[in-house]
Every structure is written in C-alpha cells, then in structure tokens.
Protein backbone atom coordinates (compact mmCIF):
# COMPACT_ATOMS: atom_id res chain seq x y z
CA UNK A 1 -11.67 -17.56 0.66
CA UNK A 2 -10.45 -14.60 2.69
CA UNK A 3 -8.47 -11.63 1.46
CA UNK A 4 -6.96 -9.40 4.14
CA UNK A 5 -3.98 -7.24 3.25
CA UNK A 6 -2.73 -3.74 3.95
CA UNK A 7 -0.04 -2.18 1.79
CA UNK A 8 1.65 0.82 0.30
CA UNK A 9 1.53 0.94 -3.50
CA UNK A 10 4.32 3.21 -4.69
CA UNK A 11 4.43 4.56 -8.22
CA UNK A 12 7.92 5.13 -9.60
CA UNK A 13 11.44 4.72 -8.34
CA UNK A 14 12.57 4.47 -4.74
CA UNK A 15 15.77 4.00 -2.76
CA UNK A 16 16.15 0.32 -1.91
CA UNK A 17 18.73 1.25 0.72
CA UNK A 18 16.33 3.62 2.48
CA UNK A 19 13.44 1.16 2.13
CA UNK A 20 15.54 -1.56 3.75
CA UNK A 21 16.56 0.79 6.56
CA UNK A 22 12.83 0.98 7.41
CA UNK A 23 12.39 -2.79 7.03
CA UNK A 24 10.14 -2.39 3.99
CA UNK A 25 9.85 -5.52 1.83
CA UNK A 26 9.36 -4.43 -1.80
CA UNK A 27 7.36 -6.58 -4.21
CA UNK A 28 7.72 -5.36 -7.80
CA UNK A 29 4.48 -5.20 -9.73
CA UNK A 30 6.01 -3.27 -12.65
CA UNK A 31 5.30 -4.33 -16.19
CA UNK A 32 1.80 -5.34 -15.20
CA UNK A 33 0.44 -1.80 -14.97
CA UNK A 34 1.64 -0.24 -18.20
CA UNK A 35 4.94 0.03 -20.04
CA UNK A 36 5.67 3.37 -18.36
CA UNK A 37 4.27 2.81 -14.87
CA UNK A 38 6.38 1.10 -12.22
CA UNK A 39 4.37 0.01 -9.18
CA UNK A 40 5.94 -1.50 -6.07
CA UNK A 41 3.93 -3.05 -3.26
CA UNK A 42 5.19 -2.76 0.31
CA UNK A 43 3.23 -4.95 2.76
CA UNK A 44 2.07 -3.29 5.98
CA UNK A 45 1.02 -4.79 9.29
CA UNK A 46 -0.32 -3.11 12.38
CA UNK A 47 2.77 -4.32 14.26
CA UNK A 48 5.05 -2.72 11.66
CA UNK A 49 3.26 0.65 11.89
CA UNK A 50 3.16 0.51 15.70
CA UNK A 51 6.88 -0.34 15.84
CA UNK A 52 7.92 2.58 13.64
CA UNK A 53 5.44 5.00 15.21
CA UNK A 54 6.94 4.25 18.61
CA UNK A 55 10.54 4.24 17.38
CA UNK A 56 10.13 7.58 15.58
CA UNK A 57 7.76 9.03 18.19
CA UNK A 58 5.17 9.64 15.50
CA UNK A 59 1.84 8.10 16.61
CA UNK A 60 -0.58 10.28 14.59
CA UNK A 61 -3.04 8.93 12.04
CA UNK A 62 -3.65 10.73 8.77
CA UNK A 63 -7.18 9.32 8.45
CA UNK A 64 -9.36 6.58 9.90
CA UNK A 65 -9.24 4.62 6.63
CA UNK A 66 -7.33 2.78 5.45
CA UNK A 67 -6.67 1.60 8.99
CA UNK A 68 -2.86 1.90 8.65
CA UNK A 69 -3.00 5.37 7.06
CA UNK A 70 -0.57 6.76 9.62
CA UNK A 71 1.72 9.80 9.52
CA UNK A 72 4.75 7.56 10.13
CA UNK A 73 3.90 5.55 6.98
CA UNK A 74 3.76 8.77 4.95
CA UNK A 75 7.07 9.93 6.41
CA UNK A 76 8.72 6.60 5.55
CA UNK A 77 7.42 6.65 1.97
CA UNK A 78 8.55 10.25 1.47
CA UNK A 79 12.02 9.37 2.80
CA UNK A 80 12.15 6.40 0.44
CA UNK A 81 10.98 8.05 -2.78
CA UNK A 82 11.79 11.46 -4.22
CA UNK A 83 8.43 11.77 -6.03
CA UNK A 84 6.44 9.84 -3.38
CA UNK A 85 3.31 9.19 -5.48
CA UNK A 86 1.63 6.43 -3.49
CA UNK A 87 -1.55 4.78 -2.29
CA UNK A 88 -2.28 3.17 1.02
CA UNK A 89 -4.79 0.34 0.63
CA UNK A 90 -6.40 -2.44 2.58
CA UNK A 91 -8.75 -5.34 1.93
CA UNK A 92 -10.77 -7.28 4.46
CA UNK A 93 -12.97 -9.95 2.89
CA UNK A 94 -14.11 -13.28 4.21
CA UNK A 95 -16.46 -15.50 2.25
CA UNK A 96 -17.29 -12.70 -0.15
CA UNK A 97 -18.36 -10.20 2.51
CA UNK A 98 -16.15 -7.33 3.54
CA UNK A 99 -14.70 -3.98 2.61
CA UNK A 100 -11.72 -2.31 1.04
CA UNK A 101 -10.23 1.12 1.51
CA UNK A 102 -7.68 3.30 -0.26
CA UNK A 103 -6.23 6.80 -0.38
CA UNK A 104 -3.70 8.37 -2.74
CA UNK A 105 -1.02 10.97 -2.02
CA UNK A 106 1.70 12.83 -3.88
CA UNK A 107 4.12 13.73 -1.16
CA UNK A 108 2.00 15.23 1.60
CA UNK A 109 -0.75 16.30 -0.80
CA UNK A 110 -3.92 14.23 -0.85
CA UNK A 111 -4.79 13.22 -4.42
CA UNK A 112 -7.68 10.88 -3.60
CA UNK A 113 -9.44 11.20 -0.27
CA UNK A 114 -9.54 8.12 1.96
CA UNK A 115 -12.47 6.04 0.75
CA UNK A 116 -13.95 2.72 1.83
CA UNK A 117 -16.63 0.44 0.42
CA UNK A 118 -17.40 -3.07 -0.78
CA UNK A 119 -15.84 -2.47 -4.20
CA UNK A 120 -14.19 0.40 -6.04
CA UNK A 121 -11.80 2.34 -3.78
CA UNK A 122 -8.69 0.34 -4.68
CA UNK A 123 -9.38 0.46 -8.43
CA UNK A 124 -9.92 4.22 -8.19
CA UNK A 125 -6.60 4.58 -6.35
CA UNK A 126 -4.80 2.45 -8.94
CA UNK A 127 -6.17 4.66 -11.73
CA UNK A 128 -4.62 7.65 -9.93
CA UNK A 129 -1.30 5.79 -9.96
CA UNK A 130 -1.53 5.26 -13.72
CA UNK A 131 -2.55 1.61 -13.88
CA UNK A 132 -3.97 0.81 -17.30
CA UNK A 133 -6.41 -2.09 -17.45
CA UNK A 134 -6.25 -4.97 -19.85
CA UNK A 135 -9.21 -6.46 -21.66
CA UNK A 136 -11.73 -7.97 -19.23
CA UNK A 137 -9.66 -6.98 -16.18
CA UNK A 138 -9.97 -4.20 -13.66
CA UNK A 139 -6.99 -2.38 -12.15
CA UNK A 140 -6.77 -4.75 -9.18
CA UNK A 141 -6.59 -7.80 -11.46
CA UNK A 142 -4.24 -6.07 -13.91
CA UNK A 143 -1.69 -5.76 -11.09
CA UNK A 144 -2.51 -9.31 -10.01
CA UNK A 145 -3.20 -8.16 -6.46
CA UNK A 146 -5.57 -11.13 -6.11
CA UNK A 147 -2.40 -13.25 -5.65
CA UNK A 148 -1.98 -11.77 -2.17
CA UNK A 149 -4.57 -13.18 0.25
CA UNK A 150 -2.45 -12.25 3.25
CA UNK A 151 1.19 -11.52 3.94
CA UNK A 152 1.59 -14.27 6.54
CA UNK A 153 3.82 -16.33 4.25
CA UNK A 154 6.26 -13.43 3.83
CA UNK A 155 7.36 -13.75 7.47
CA UNK A 156 7.69 -9.99 7.82
CA UNK A 157 10.27 -9.14 10.44
CA UNK A 158 11.68 -5.99 11.93
CA UNK A 159 13.67 -5.20 15.09
CA UNK A 160 11.66 -5.90 18.19
CA UNK A 161 9.20 -8.30 16.54
CA UNK A 162 8.96 -11.62 18.30
C-alpha cells in the first residue's frame, strides 16, 4: 500500500482566520501527542505551493528536501502562528520501498536540518515538536499519521485550481 503525503505539522495555536485566508485545511491531531502539545496538520500539494508562490511572487526554496520546503510555505506558517514552531514533512512509499523527509523550524530559525531517509526523519521532527510516544508506538504512530495515505480524498481547493 502506498503512502505519499506532504504536510506542515504546526505545534501550538494558530489563527484559523489567517489559515483560511491562505486556503490551509487544518486537521487537528491534538490530544494524541501529549496533554500539553497541540499539533495541527496542514496538507500540502505541489499545486498549492506553486499557486501561492506565484500569487505572492515568492518562488524560492528553503531546501531541496522536503520537496515542498519553500519560502512561501514558511511565510504562510509564520503569518498564521505567532510562535511558528513547525515541521515540513513528506512521505513517498510504494510497496514498502521509498523515503521520507522532514525539517523543523521555529520562526525562521532551523531547529532540525532537512533530512531524508527510509525511516527516522519524521519521528525525529516530531520529537522536536514535543510528541511523546506511547507504549509500543513511535511518534508517527502516536499521532496516527498512518491514517493519511494521500490527501486525494480531501479535495483540496484554492483559487485558480481546476
């Protein structure tokens, strides 16, 4: 079974109004990380990043991995959240083979350098965000990120998307 997602994982509070103005679709993962850690997942697609990069005239990448680690994504997160403690992550697995990548930032400061590999980068990023594991689970499973194989069923829309 495949697993191919890209997302922002934001730790803490954010402005729903600002998030909606950027067409972000929040998925609350709070309560699964720890009693004091609120994590919200915002799905990303290449079309979303391209749309906002063009609209805001901000085409620069921050790093090669994760693939959607773009300056416009950072700017949107920082506009959305006062503390802006976030990770950008991606998975790309098919039939057990593949890779994952993650990076963590606090505002514009890099907390965990962009990293990719078969396993590990996302769990390391989630630790930086304060995710506490449960017995026999890693950070990825604790947040139940395995539920998201793709974001196709979310029908992500934004102005200009056909």
